[in-house]
């Protein structure tokens, strides 16, 4: 082995050692991550005359309202909670609002309701959208030379005809996202959360019956 190759090998070993040491230096306490709705590239929509009343999506996951996942070692040892600013209800409701507005649909914020049509406040809107978040969870497994992230999102969505006060569409939406990085990266976790949440919401946005209601 010549001197140049020897130096290259030493440099690679040193870099791998630094990565391993960085991965082993676990942060203490909760780790803040972010998530948002990703507008599809090339999305083109004409303005809709329909006004959608958006009721806050209820967090039915159980547990802490701002915790959206965990980071653990490859042996299953817990290290950190992954948390967001605000609550999962706020996160999902805002994401649905942004998805509608990106399609030029007017949105009116409504108060929370118990998903019973007789208790619905639908003044000034054509349809009401609400539901529950049954899953929104990121699991990051930290290994010596990489970190694998898996996100699972499930939302039970209910669409109601405001004039008739009648449920017109019920959908169980589901999205996942998987990614890997050299080391743990909160931004990468945020991208994975955004990807899973966005694909979940897009299932409703692309539903033929839903499209009919908002045209």
N, C-alpha and C. Protein backbone atom coordinates (compact mmCIF):
# COMPACT_ATOMS: atom_id res chain seq x y z
N UNK A 1 0.85 -1.20 0.00
CA UNK A 1 0.00 0.00 0.00
C UNK A 1 0.88 1.24 0.00
N UNK A 2 0.71 2.16 -0.99
CA UNK A 2 1.54 3.35 -1.04
C UNK A 2 1.09 4.36 0.02
N UNK A 3 1.88 5.43 0.15
CA UNK A 3 1.62 6.40 1.22
C UNK A 3 0.27 7.09 1.05
N UNK A 4 -0.11 7.42 -0.23
CA UNK A 4 -1.37 8.11 -0.48
C UNK A 4 -2.56 7.26 -0.08
N UNK A 5 -2.55 5.98 -0.50
CA UNK A 5 -3.64 5.07 -0.15
C UNK A 5 -3.74 4.89 1.36
N UNK A 6 -2.56 4.82 2.01
CA UNK A 6 -2.54 4.65 3.47
C UNK A 6 -3.19 5.85 4.16
N UNK A 7 -2.90 7.07 3.66
CA UNK A 7 -3.50 8.27 4.25
C UNK A 7 -5.01 8.30 4.03
N UNK A 8 -5.43 7.85 2.83
CA UNK A 8 -6.86 7.82 2.53
C UNK A 8 -7.60 6.87 3.46
N UNK A 9 -7.01 5.70 3.71
CA UNK A 9 -7.63 4.73 4.60
C UNK A 9 -7.73 5.29 6.02
N UNK A 10 -6.65 5.94 6.47
CA UNK A 10 -6.64 6.52 7.82
C UNK A 10 -7.71 7.60 7.94
N UNK A 11 -7.85 8.42 6.87
CA UNK A 11 -8.85 9.49 6.90
C UNK A 11 -10.26 8.92 6.96
N UNK A 12 -10.53 7.85 6.18
CA UNK A 12 -11.85 7.23 6.18
C UNK A 12 -12.17 6.66 7.55
N UNK A 13 -11.19 5.98 8.14
CA UNK A 13 -11.38 5.40 9.48
C UNK A 13 -11.67 6.50 10.49
N UNK A 14 -10.94 7.62 10.38
CA UNK A 14 -11.14 8.72 11.32
C UNK A 14 -12.53 9.32 11.18
N UNK A 15 -12.99 9.49 9.92
CA UNK A 15 -14.33 10.03 9.68
C UNK A 15 -15.40 9.12 10.26
N UNK A 16 -15.25 7.80 10.02
CA UNK A 16 -16.22 6.85 10.55
C UNK A 16 -16.23 6.86 12.08
N UNK A 17 -15.04 7.02 12.66
CA UNK A 17 -14.96 7.06 14.12
C UNK A 17 -15.66 8.30 14.67
N UNK A 18 -15.49 9.45 13.98
CA UNK A 18 -16.15 10.68 14.41
C UNK A 18 -17.66 10.56 14.31
N UNK A 19 -18.12 9.94 13.21
CA UNK A 19 -19.56 9.73 13.04
C UNK A 19 -20.11 8.86 14.15
N UNK A 20 -19.39 7.80 14.47
CA UNK A 20 -19.83 6.88 15.52
C UNK A 20 -19.89 7.58 16.87
N UNK A 21 -18.86 8.41 17.16
CA UNK A 21 -18.84 9.12 18.44
C UNK A 21 -19.98 10.14 18.51
N UNK A 22 -20.25 10.82 17.37
CA UNK A 22 -21.35 11.77 17.33
C UNK A 22 -22.67 11.07 17.59
N UNK A 23 -22.86 9.91 16.98
CA UNK A 23 -24.09 9.15 17.14
C UNK A 23 -24.27 8.67 18.57
N UNK A 24 -23.17 8.42 19.24
CA UNK A 24 -23.24 7.89 20.61
C UNK A 24 -23.50 8.99 21.63
N UNK A 25 -23.24 10.24 21.24
CA UNK A 25 -23.44 11.34 22.18
C UNK A 25 -24.92 11.71 22.19
N UNK A 26 -25.68 11.04 23.00
CA UNK A 26 -27.13 11.21 23.01
C UNK A 26 -27.53 12.52 23.67
N UNK A 27 -28.43 13.23 23.03
CA UNK A 27 -29.00 14.45 23.61
C UNK A 27 -29.94 14.06 24.73
N UNK A 28 -29.93 14.85 25.78
CA UNK A 28 -30.79 14.59 26.92
C UNK A 28 -32.11 15.34 26.76
N UNK A 29 -33.19 14.72 27.18
CA UNK A 29 -34.48 15.37 27.16
C UNK A 29 -35.17 15.30 25.82
N UNK A 30 -36.37 15.88 25.73
CA UNK A 30 -37.14 15.84 24.48
C UNK A 30 -36.42 16.56 23.34
N UNK A 31 -36.67 16.11 22.12
CA UNK A 31 -36.08 16.73 20.93
C UNK A 31 -37.21 17.34 20.11
N UNK A 32 -37.07 18.62 19.79
CA UNK A 32 -38.09 19.33 19.03
C UNK A 32 -37.96 19.04 17.54
N UNK A 33 -39.06 18.66 16.92
CA UNK A 33 -39.09 18.44 15.48
C UNK A 33 -40.27 19.22 14.90
N UNK A 34 -40.23 19.44 13.60
CA UNK A 34 -41.31 20.19 12.95
C UNK A 34 -41.95 19.36 11.85
N UNK A 35 -43.14 19.77 11.43
CA UNK A 35 -43.82 19.09 10.33
C UNK A 35 -44.83 20.06 9.73
N UNK A 36 -45.09 19.91 8.43
CA UNK A 36 -46.04 20.76 7.75
C UNK A 36 -46.55 20.04 6.50
N UNK A 37 -47.59 20.61 5.90
CA UNK A 37 -48.12 20.03 4.67
C UNK A 37 -47.24 20.42 3.50
N UNK A 38 -46.83 19.43 2.70
CA UNK A 38 -46.03 19.66 1.50
C UNK A 38 -46.97 19.77 0.29
N UNK A 39 -47.04 20.94 -0.29
CA UNK A 39 -47.89 21.14 -1.47
C UNK A 39 -47.29 20.38 -2.65
N UNK A 40 -48.07 19.54 -3.33
CA UNK A 40 -47.54 18.79 -4.48
C UNK A 40 -46.99 19.72 -5.57
N UNK A 41 -45.89 19.33 -6.16
CA UNK A 41 -45.31 20.12 -7.23
C UNK A 41 -46.26 20.17 -8.42
N UNK A 42 -46.36 21.33 -9.02
CA UNK A 42 -47.19 21.47 -10.21
C UNK A 42 -48.68 21.47 -9.95
N UNK A 43 -49.08 21.62 -8.68
CA UNK A 43 -50.51 21.62 -8.36
C UNK A 43 -51.19 22.82 -9.02
N UNK A 44 -52.21 22.55 -9.80
CA UNK A 44 -52.97 23.62 -10.45
C UNK A 44 -54.45 23.43 -10.14
N UNK A 45 -55.06 24.46 -9.59
CA UNK A 45 -56.48 24.37 -9.22
C UNK A 45 -57.19 25.66 -9.59
N UNK A 46 -58.44 25.53 -9.97
CA UNK A 46 -59.28 26.71 -10.21
C UNK A 46 -60.02 27.04 -8.92
N UNK A 47 -60.33 28.31 -8.75
CA UNK A 47 -60.99 28.74 -7.52
C UNK A 47 -62.34 28.08 -7.35
N UNK A 48 -62.62 27.63 -6.11
CA UNK A 48 -63.88 26.98 -5.80
C UNK A 48 -64.80 27.97 -5.10
N UNK A 49 -66.10 27.85 -5.35
CA UNK A 49 -67.09 28.69 -4.68
C UNK A 49 -67.52 28.10 -3.34
N UNK A 50 -67.11 26.88 -3.09
CA UNK A 50 -67.50 26.19 -1.86
C UNK A 50 -66.66 26.68 -0.68
N UNK A 51 -67.32 26.87 0.44
CA UNK A 51 -66.62 27.22 1.68
C UNK A 51 -66.60 26.00 2.58
N UNK A 52 -65.41 25.58 2.96
CA UNK A 52 -65.25 24.41 3.83
C UNK A 52 -65.08 24.88 5.27
N UNK A 53 -65.97 24.42 6.13
CA UNK A 53 -65.82 24.67 7.56
C UNK A 53 -64.92 23.60 8.15
N UNK A 54 -63.80 24.02 8.72
CA UNK A 54 -62.81 23.07 9.24
C UNK A 54 -62.87 23.03 10.76
N UNK A 55 -63.28 21.88 11.27
CA UNK A 55 -63.32 21.67 12.71
C UNK A 55 -62.02 21.01 13.16
N UNK A 56 -61.47 21.36 14.31
CA UNK A 56 -60.21 20.77 14.75
C UNK A 56 -60.26 19.24 14.78
N UNK A 57 -59.24 18.63 14.23
CA UNK A 57 -59.13 17.17 14.28
C UNK A 57 -58.72 16.76 15.69
N UNK A 58 -59.49 15.85 16.27
CA UNK A 58 -59.26 15.45 17.65
C UNK A 58 -58.12 14.42 17.72
N UNK A 59 -57.27 14.58 18.72
CA UNK A 59 -56.18 13.64 18.93
C UNK A 59 -56.69 12.45 19.73
N UNK A 60 -56.86 11.32 19.04
CA UNK A 60 -57.38 10.11 19.70
C UNK A 60 -56.27 9.08 19.92
N UNK A 61 -55.02 9.51 19.88
CA UNK A 61 -53.90 8.58 20.03
C UNK A 61 -53.70 8.10 21.47
N UNK A 62 -54.07 8.95 22.41
CA UNK A 62 -53.74 8.67 23.81
C UNK A 62 -52.32 9.16 24.07
N UNK A 63 -52.00 9.43 25.32
CA UNK A 63 -50.65 9.91 25.64
C UNK A 63 -50.56 11.42 25.57
N UNK A 64 -49.32 11.93 25.56
CA UNK A 64 -49.08 13.36 25.59
C UNK A 64 -49.41 13.98 24.23
N UNK A 65 -50.04 15.15 24.27
CA UNK A 65 -50.59 15.76 23.06
C UNK A 65 -49.53 16.33 22.13
N UNK A 66 -48.32 16.58 22.64
CA UNK A 66 -47.27 17.15 21.79
C UNK A 66 -46.18 16.14 21.42
N UNK A 67 -46.25 14.93 21.95
CA UNK A 67 -45.24 13.91 21.64
C UNK A 67 -45.64 13.19 20.35
N UNK A 68 -44.70 13.14 19.40
CA UNK A 68 -44.99 12.54 18.10
C UNK A 68 -44.05 11.38 17.77
N UNK A 69 -43.28 10.93 18.75
CA UNK A 69 -42.41 9.79 18.47
C UNK A 69 -41.32 9.62 19.52
N UNK A 70 -40.43 8.67 19.22
CA UNK A 70 -39.31 8.40 20.11
C UNK A 70 -38.04 8.15 19.31
N UNK A 71 -36.92 8.34 19.97
CA UNK A 71 -35.64 7.90 19.43
C UNK A 71 -35.10 6.83 20.37
N UNK A 72 -34.66 5.71 19.79
CA UNK A 72 -34.11 4.63 20.60
C UNK A 72 -32.89 4.02 19.91
N UNK A 73 -32.16 3.21 20.66
CA UNK A 73 -30.99 2.54 20.10
C UNK A 73 -31.43 1.29 19.35
N UNK A 74 -30.50 0.68 18.62
CA UNK A 74 -30.84 -0.52 17.87
C UNK A 74 -31.09 -1.72 18.78
N UNK A 75 -30.82 -1.57 20.08
CA UNK A 75 -31.14 -2.63 21.04
C UNK A 75 -32.48 -2.38 21.73
N UNK A 76 -33.19 -1.29 21.30
CA UNK A 76 -34.49 -0.99 21.88
C UNK A 76 -34.47 -0.13 23.11
N UNK A 77 -33.32 0.47 23.44
CA UNK A 77 -33.22 1.31 24.63
C UNK A 77 -33.73 2.72 24.31
N UNK A 78 -34.69 3.18 25.09
CA UNK A 78 -35.27 4.51 24.89
C UNK A 78 -34.23 5.59 25.16
N UNK A 79 -34.23 6.64 24.31
CA UNK A 79 -33.33 7.76 24.51
C UNK A 79 -34.08 9.09 24.67
N UNK A 80 -35.00 9.37 23.72
CA UNK A 80 -35.66 10.68 23.74
C UNK A 80 -37.08 10.60 23.21
N UNK A 81 -37.94 11.49 23.74
CA UNK A 81 -39.22 11.76 23.10
C UNK A 81 -38.98 12.77 21.97
N UNK A 82 -39.74 12.63 20.90
CA UNK A 82 -39.75 13.61 19.82
C UNK A 82 -41.01 14.44 19.97
N UNK A 83 -40.88 15.75 20.05
CA UNK A 83 -42.03 16.61 20.36
C UNK A 83 -42.16 17.71 19.32
N UNK A 84 -43.37 18.26 19.21
CA UNK A 84 -43.63 19.40 18.34
C UNK A 84 -44.07 20.57 19.20
N UNK A 85 -44.00 21.77 18.62
CA UNK A 85 -44.59 22.93 19.29
C UNK A 85 -46.10 22.86 19.11
N UNK A 86 -46.84 23.09 20.18
CA UNK A 86 -48.28 22.97 20.10
C UNK A 86 -48.72 21.52 20.25
N UNK A 87 -49.86 21.20 19.67
CA UNK A 87 -50.42 19.86 19.82
C UNK A 87 -50.57 19.19 18.46
N UNK A 88 -50.77 17.88 18.49
CA UNK A 88 -51.00 17.12 17.26
C UNK A 88 -52.31 17.58 16.60
N UNK A 89 -53.31 17.90 17.40
CA UNK A 89 -54.57 18.42 16.86
C UNK A 89 -54.32 19.68 16.04
N UNK A 90 -53.54 20.61 16.59
CA UNK A 90 -53.22 21.85 15.88
C UNK A 90 -52.44 21.55 14.60
N UNK A 91 -51.47 20.66 14.69
CA UNK A 91 -50.62 20.32 13.54
C UNK A 91 -51.44 19.77 12.39
N UNK A 92 -52.29 18.79 12.67
CA UNK A 92 -53.07 18.14 11.62
C UNK A 92 -54.13 19.08 11.05
N UNK A 93 -54.80 19.82 11.92
CA UNK A 93 -55.83 20.76 11.45
C UNK A 93 -55.22 21.82 10.55
N UNK A 94 -54.08 22.36 10.93
CA UNK A 94 -53.39 23.36 10.11
C UNK A 94 -52.96 22.76 8.77
N UNK A 95 -52.49 21.53 8.80
CA UNK A 95 -52.07 20.87 7.56
C UNK A 95 -53.24 20.69 6.60
N UNK A 96 -54.40 20.28 7.12
CA UNK A 96 -55.59 20.16 6.27
C UNK A 96 -56.00 21.53 5.71
N UNK A 97 -55.94 22.57 6.54
CA UNK A 97 -56.28 23.91 6.11
C UNK A 97 -55.36 24.36 4.97
N UNK A 98 -54.07 24.12 5.12
CA UNK A 98 -53.12 24.52 4.08
C UNK A 98 -53.33 23.73 2.79
N UNK A 99 -53.71 22.46 2.91
CA UNK A 99 -53.97 21.64 1.73
C UNK A 99 -55.17 22.19 0.96
N UNK A 100 -56.21 22.59 1.67
CA UNK A 100 -57.40 23.16 1.03
C UNK A 100 -57.09 24.51 0.38
N UNK A 101 -56.38 25.36 1.10
CA UNK A 101 -56.06 26.68 0.57
C UNK A 101 -55.14 26.58 -0.64
N UNK A 102 -54.26 25.58 -0.66
CA UNK A 102 -53.38 25.39 -1.82
C UNK A 102 -54.17 25.06 -3.07
N UNK A 103 -55.38 24.54 -2.87
CA UNK A 103 -56.28 24.21 -3.99
C UNK A 103 -57.34 25.28 -4.21
N UNK A 104 -57.08 26.47 -3.65
CA UNK A 104 -57.94 27.65 -3.82
C UNK A 104 -59.35 27.43 -3.29
N UNK A 105 -59.43 26.72 -2.17
CA UNK A 105 -60.71 26.47 -1.51
C UNK A 105 -60.78 27.34 -0.25
N UNK A 106 -61.86 28.08 -0.10
CA UNK A 106 -62.03 28.93 1.08
C UNK A 106 -62.25 28.07 2.32
N UNK A 107 -61.58 28.46 3.39
CA UNK A 107 -61.66 27.70 4.64
C UNK A 107 -62.13 28.62 5.77
N UNK A 108 -63.09 28.15 6.53
CA UNK A 108 -63.54 28.87 7.72
C UNK A 108 -63.32 27.98 8.93
N UNK A 109 -62.60 28.51 9.91
CA UNK A 109 -62.33 27.75 11.13
C UNK A 109 -63.60 27.64 11.97
N UNK A 110 -63.90 26.41 12.38
CA UNK A 110 -65.06 26.15 13.22
C UNK A 110 -64.61 25.67 14.58
N UNK A 111 -65.47 25.82 15.60
CA UNK A 111 -65.12 25.28 16.92
C UNK A 111 -65.13 23.76 16.90
N UNK A 112 -64.50 23.18 17.90
CA UNK A 112 -64.48 21.72 18.01
C UNK A 112 -65.89 21.19 18.20
N UNK A 113 -66.16 20.00 17.67
CA UNK A 113 -67.46 19.36 17.85
C UNK A 113 -67.27 17.87 18.08
N UNK A 114 -68.31 17.21 18.53
CA UNK A 114 -68.22 15.80 18.93
C UNK A 114 -68.49 14.84 17.77
N UNK A 115 -68.47 15.36 16.52
CA UNK A 115 -68.66 14.56 15.30
C UNK A 115 -70.09 14.05 15.15
N UNK A 116 -71.01 14.64 15.91
CA UNK A 116 -72.43 14.34 15.75
C UNK A 116 -73.07 15.50 15.01
N UNK A 117 -73.75 15.20 13.91
CA UNK A 117 -74.27 16.26 13.04
C UNK A 117 -75.25 17.19 13.75
N UNK A 118 -75.98 16.68 14.71
CA UNK A 118 -76.97 17.53 15.40
C UNK A 118 -76.30 18.58 16.29
N UNK A 119 -75.02 18.38 16.61
CA UNK A 119 -74.30 19.33 17.45
C UNK A 119 -73.35 20.22 16.64
N UNK A 120 -73.46 20.18 15.34
CA UNK A 120 -72.51 20.85 14.47
C UNK A 120 -72.86 22.32 14.28
N UNK A 121 -71.84 23.18 14.35
CA UNK A 121 -72.01 24.60 14.07
C UNK A 121 -71.53 24.84 12.64
N UNK A 122 -72.46 25.05 11.71
CA UNK A 122 -72.10 25.11 10.29
C UNK A 122 -72.55 26.41 9.63
N UNK A 123 -72.64 27.47 10.41
CA UNK A 123 -73.08 28.75 9.85
C UNK A 123 -72.05 29.30 8.86
N UNK A 124 -72.54 29.66 7.68
CA UNK A 124 -71.68 30.31 6.69
C UNK A 124 -70.77 29.38 5.90
N UNK A 125 -71.03 28.07 5.95
CA UNK A 125 -70.19 27.14 5.19
C UNK A 125 -71.08 26.17 4.41
N UNK A 126 -70.47 25.53 3.41
CA UNK A 126 -71.20 24.56 2.58
C UNK A 126 -70.99 23.13 3.05
N UNK A 127 -69.77 22.82 3.42
CA UNK A 127 -69.45 21.49 3.94
C UNK A 127 -68.58 21.65 5.18
N UNK A 128 -68.63 20.65 6.03
CA UNK A 128 -67.82 20.64 7.25
C UNK A 128 -66.88 19.46 7.21
N UNK A 129 -65.62 19.72 7.51
CA UNK A 129 -64.60 18.67 7.56
C UNK A 129 -64.03 18.57 8.96
N UNK A 130 -64.00 17.36 9.48
CA UNK A 130 -63.42 17.13 10.80
C UNK A 130 -63.06 15.67 10.94
N UNK A 131 -62.72 15.26 12.15
CA UNK A 131 -62.38 13.86 12.36
C UNK A 131 -61.42 13.67 13.52
N UNK A 132 -60.74 12.55 13.49
CA UNK A 132 -59.82 12.20 14.57
C UNK A 132 -58.47 11.73 14.01
N UNK A 133 -57.44 11.98 14.79
CA UNK A 133 -56.10 11.48 14.47
C UNK A 133 -55.89 10.21 15.29
N UNK A 134 -55.86 9.07 14.63
CA UNK A 134 -55.72 7.80 15.35
C UNK A 134 -54.26 7.37 15.47
N UNK A 135 -53.41 7.90 14.62
CA UNK A 135 -51.98 7.59 14.70
C UNK A 135 -51.18 8.72 14.06
N UNK A 136 -50.15 9.15 14.74
CA UNK A 136 -49.14 10.05 14.18
C UNK A 136 -47.90 9.82 15.01
N UNK A 137 -46.99 9.02 14.46
CA UNK A 137 -45.89 8.54 15.29
C UNK A 137 -44.62 8.31 14.46
N UNK A 138 -43.53 8.84 14.95
CA UNK A 138 -42.22 8.64 14.32
C UNK A 138 -41.34 7.80 15.25
N UNK A 139 -40.70 6.79 14.70
CA UNK A 139 -39.76 5.98 15.46
C UNK A 139 -38.40 6.04 14.79
N UNK A 140 -37.42 6.53 15.53
CA UNK A 140 -36.06 6.63 15.01
C UNK A 140 -35.19 5.61 15.74
N UNK A 141 -34.58 4.73 14.97
CA UNK A 141 -33.67 3.73 15.54
C UNK A 141 -32.25 4.16 15.22
N UNK A 142 -31.50 4.47 16.26
CA UNK A 142 -30.13 4.95 16.09
C UNK A 142 -29.15 3.77 16.10
N UNK A 143 -28.37 3.68 15.04
CA UNK A 143 -27.35 2.64 14.91
C UNK A 143 -25.98 3.30 14.89
N UNK A 144 -24.89 2.52 14.99
CA UNK A 144 -23.55 3.13 15.03
C UNK A 144 -23.24 4.02 13.83
N UNK A 145 -23.70 3.65 12.63
CA UNK A 145 -23.33 4.40 11.44
C UNK A 145 -24.51 5.00 10.68
N UNK A 146 -25.73 4.86 11.20
CA UNK A 146 -26.87 5.51 10.56
C UNK A 146 -28.05 5.56 11.53
N UNK A 147 -29.07 6.29 11.11
CA UNK A 147 -30.31 6.38 11.89
C UNK A 147 -31.48 6.17 10.93
N UNK A 148 -32.33 5.21 11.26
CA UNK A 148 -33.48 4.88 10.41
C UNK A 148 -34.75 5.45 11.04
N UNK A 149 -35.55 6.12 10.22
CA UNK A 149 -36.79 6.76 10.68
C UNK A 149 -37.99 6.14 9.98
N UNK A 150 -38.99 5.77 10.77
CA UNK A 150 -40.26 5.28 10.22
C UNK A 150 -41.39 6.11 10.83
N UNK A 151 -42.27 6.61 9.97
CA UNK A 151 -43.41 7.42 10.42
C UNK A 151 -44.70 6.78 9.95
N UNK A 152 -45.69 6.76 10.82
CA UNK A 152 -47.00 6.20 10.51
C UNK A 152 -48.06 7.23 10.90
N UNK A 153 -48.96 7.53 9.96
CA UNK A 153 -50.03 8.49 10.21
C UNK A 153 -51.36 7.88 9.78
N UNK A 154 -52.37 7.99 10.64
CA UNK A 154 -53.73 7.54 10.30
C UNK A 154 -54.73 8.59 10.78
N UNK A 155 -55.65 8.94 9.90
CA UNK A 155 -56.67 9.95 10.22
C UNK A 155 -58.04 9.44 9.79
N UNK A 156 -59.01 9.57 10.69
CA UNK A 156 -60.40 9.25 10.38
C UNK A 156 -61.08 10.56 10.02
N UNK A 157 -61.42 10.76 8.74
CA UNK A 157 -61.96 12.03 8.26
C UNK A 157 -63.45 11.92 7.96
N UNK A 158 -64.20 12.95 8.36
CA UNK A 158 -65.64 12.99 8.16
C UNK A 158 -66.01 14.27 7.43
N UNK A 159 -66.76 14.13 6.36
CA UNK A 159 -67.24 15.27 5.58
C UNK A 159 -68.76 15.33 5.70
N UNK A 160 -69.28 16.50 6.04
CA UNK A 160 -70.71 16.67 6.29
C UNK A 160 -71.26 17.75 5.38
N UNK A 161 -72.41 17.48 4.78
CA UNK A 161 -73.15 18.48 4.02
C UNK A 161 -73.79 19.44 5.03
N UNK A 162 -73.34 20.69 5.03
CA UNK A 162 -73.78 21.63 6.06
C UNK A 162 -75.27 21.97 5.96
N UNK A 163 -75.79 22.05 4.75
CA UNK A 163 -77.19 22.42 4.59
C UNK A 163 -78.12 21.31 5.05
N UNK A 164 -77.79 20.09 4.66
CA UNK A 164 -78.64 18.95 5.02
C UNK A 164 -78.28 18.36 6.39
N UNK A 165 -77.12 18.80 6.94
CA UNK A 165 -76.60 18.24 8.18
C UNK A 165 -76.56 16.71 8.10
N UNK A 166 -75.96 16.26 7.03
CA UNK A 166 -75.89 14.83 6.75
C UNK A 166 -74.46 14.45 6.37
N UNK A 167 -73.97 13.36 6.96
CA UNK A 167 -72.62 12.88 6.63
C UNK A 167 -72.60 12.41 5.18
N UNK A 168 -71.70 12.97 4.40
CA UNK A 168 -71.64 12.63 2.98
C UNK A 168 -70.43 11.77 2.62
N UNK A 169 -69.42 11.76 3.46
CA UNK A 169 -68.22 10.98 3.15
C UNK A 169 -67.45 10.69 4.43
N UNK A 170 -67.04 9.43 4.59
CA UNK A 170 -66.19 9.02 5.71
C UNK A 170 -65.02 8.22 5.14
N UNK A 171 -63.82 8.63 5.49
CA UNK A 171 -62.63 7.96 4.95
C UNK A 171 -61.62 7.72 6.07
N UNK A 172 -61.00 6.56 6.04
CA UNK A 172 -59.86 6.28 6.91
C UNK A 172 -58.60 6.44 6.06
N UNK A 173 -57.84 7.46 6.37
CA UNK A 173 -56.66 7.82 5.59
C UNK A 173 -55.41 7.32 6.29
N UNK A 174 -54.44 6.90 5.50
CA UNK A 174 -53.23 6.33 6.10
C UNK A 174 -52.02 6.63 5.23
N UNK A 175 -50.93 7.03 5.87
CA UNK A 175 -49.68 7.28 5.16
C UNK A 175 -48.48 6.88 5.99
N UNK A 176 -47.41 6.48 5.31
CA UNK A 176 -46.16 6.12 5.98
C UNK A 176 -45.00 6.79 5.27
N UNK A 177 -43.86 6.82 5.93
CA UNK A 177 -42.65 7.38 5.33
C UNK A 177 -41.45 6.75 6.01
N UNK A 178 -40.47 6.36 5.21
CA UNK A 178 -39.24 5.77 5.74
C UNK A 178 -38.04 6.51 5.18
N UNK A 179 -37.05 6.74 6.03
CA UNK A 179 -35.83 7.41 5.57
C UNK A 179 -34.65 6.96 6.41
N UNK A 180 -33.45 7.21 5.88
CA UNK A 180 -32.22 6.91 6.59
C UNK A 180 -31.26 8.08 6.44
N UNK A 181 -30.50 8.32 7.48
CA UNK A 181 -29.47 9.36 7.44
C UNK A 181 -28.22 8.81 8.12
N UNK A 182 -27.09 9.48 7.88
CA UNK A 182 -25.83 9.00 8.47
C UNK A 182 -25.90 9.04 9.99
N UNK A 183 -26.42 10.13 10.52
CA UNK A 183 -26.63 10.26 11.96
C UNK A 183 -28.05 10.80 12.20
N UNK A 184 -28.44 10.86 13.45
CA UNK A 184 -29.76 11.42 13.78
C UNK A 184 -29.80 12.88 13.39
N UNK A 185 -30.91 13.28 12.77
CA UNK A 185 -31.07 14.64 12.31
C UNK A 185 -32.54 15.03 12.50
N UNK A 186 -32.77 16.01 13.35
CA UNK A 186 -34.16 16.42 13.64
C UNK A 186 -34.88 16.92 12.39
N UNK A 187 -34.14 17.58 11.50
CA UNK A 187 -34.75 18.07 10.26
C UNK A 187 -35.22 16.91 9.38
N UNK A 188 -34.45 15.84 9.35
CA UNK A 188 -34.84 14.66 8.57
C UNK A 188 -36.10 14.02 9.14
N UNK A 189 -36.20 14.01 10.46
CA UNK A 189 -37.42 13.48 11.10
C UNK A 189 -38.61 14.35 10.72
N UNK A 190 -38.40 15.67 10.72
CA UNK A 190 -39.47 16.58 10.32
C UNK A 190 -39.91 16.35 8.88
N UNK A 191 -38.95 16.08 8.00
CA UNK A 191 -39.29 15.79 6.60
C UNK A 191 -40.09 14.50 6.49
N UNK A 192 -39.72 13.51 7.29
CA UNK A 192 -40.44 12.23 7.27
C UNK A 192 -41.86 12.41 7.80
N UNK A 193 -42.01 13.17 8.89
CA UNK A 193 -43.35 13.45 9.42
C UNK A 193 -44.19 14.21 8.39
N UNK A 194 -43.59 15.20 7.75
CA UNK A 194 -44.30 15.98 6.73
C UNK A 194 -44.72 15.10 5.56
N UNK A 195 -43.82 14.20 5.15
CA UNK A 195 -44.12 13.32 4.03
C UNK A 195 -45.29 12.39 4.31
N UNK A 196 -45.28 11.79 5.49
CA UNK A 196 -46.36 10.86 5.85
C UNK A 196 -47.68 11.60 6.03
N UNK A 197 -47.64 12.76 6.68
CA UNK A 197 -48.86 13.55 6.90
C UNK A 197 -49.42 14.06 5.58
N UNK A 198 -48.55 14.52 4.70
CA UNK A 198 -49.00 15.06 3.42
C UNK A 198 -49.63 13.98 2.54
N UNK A 199 -49.01 12.81 2.50
CA UNK A 199 -49.58 11.73 1.68
C UNK A 199 -50.92 11.27 2.24
N UNK A 200 -51.08 11.35 3.55
CA UNK A 200 -52.36 11.02 4.18
C UNK A 200 -53.44 12.00 3.76
N UNK A 201 -53.14 13.28 3.85
CA UNK A 201 -54.10 14.32 3.49
C UNK A 201 -54.43 14.28 2.00
N UNK A 202 -53.44 14.00 1.16
CA UNK A 202 -53.66 13.97 -0.28
C UNK A 202 -54.63 12.86 -0.70
N UNK A 203 -54.73 11.83 0.12
CA UNK A 203 -55.71 10.78 -0.18
C UNK A 203 -57.13 11.36 -0.17
N UNK A 204 -57.39 12.27 0.77
CA UNK A 204 -58.70 12.93 0.80
C UNK A 204 -58.83 13.92 -0.34
N UNK A 205 -57.80 14.73 -0.56
CA UNK A 205 -57.84 15.74 -1.60
C UNK A 205 -58.07 15.13 -2.99
N UNK A 206 -57.58 13.90 -3.19
CA UNK A 206 -57.69 13.23 -4.49
C UNK A 206 -58.89 12.29 -4.58
N UNK A 207 -59.66 12.21 -3.51
CA UNK A 207 -60.83 11.33 -3.52
C UNK A 207 -61.91 11.89 -4.45
N UNK A 208 -62.40 11.12 -5.42
CA UNK A 208 -63.38 11.63 -6.39
C UNK A 208 -64.64 12.21 -5.75
N UNK A 209 -65.16 11.55 -4.72
CA UNK A 209 -66.38 12.05 -4.08
C UNK A 209 -66.14 13.37 -3.34
N UNK A 210 -64.96 13.46 -2.73
CA UNK A 210 -64.61 14.71 -2.05
C UNK A 210 -64.49 15.84 -3.06
N UNK A 211 -63.86 15.56 -4.19
CA UNK A 211 -63.69 16.59 -5.23
C UNK A 211 -65.04 17.11 -5.71
N UNK A 212 -66.01 16.22 -5.83
CA UNK A 212 -67.35 16.65 -6.27
C UNK A 212 -67.94 17.64 -5.27
N UNK A 213 -67.72 17.38 -4.00
CA UNK A 213 -68.34 18.20 -2.96
C UNK A 213 -67.72 19.60 -2.89
N UNK A 214 -66.47 19.74 -3.30
CA UNK A 214 -65.80 21.03 -3.15
C UNK A 214 -65.70 21.81 -4.47
N UNK A 215 -66.28 21.28 -5.53
CA UNK A 215 -66.24 21.99 -6.81
C UNK A 215 -67.24 23.15 -6.83
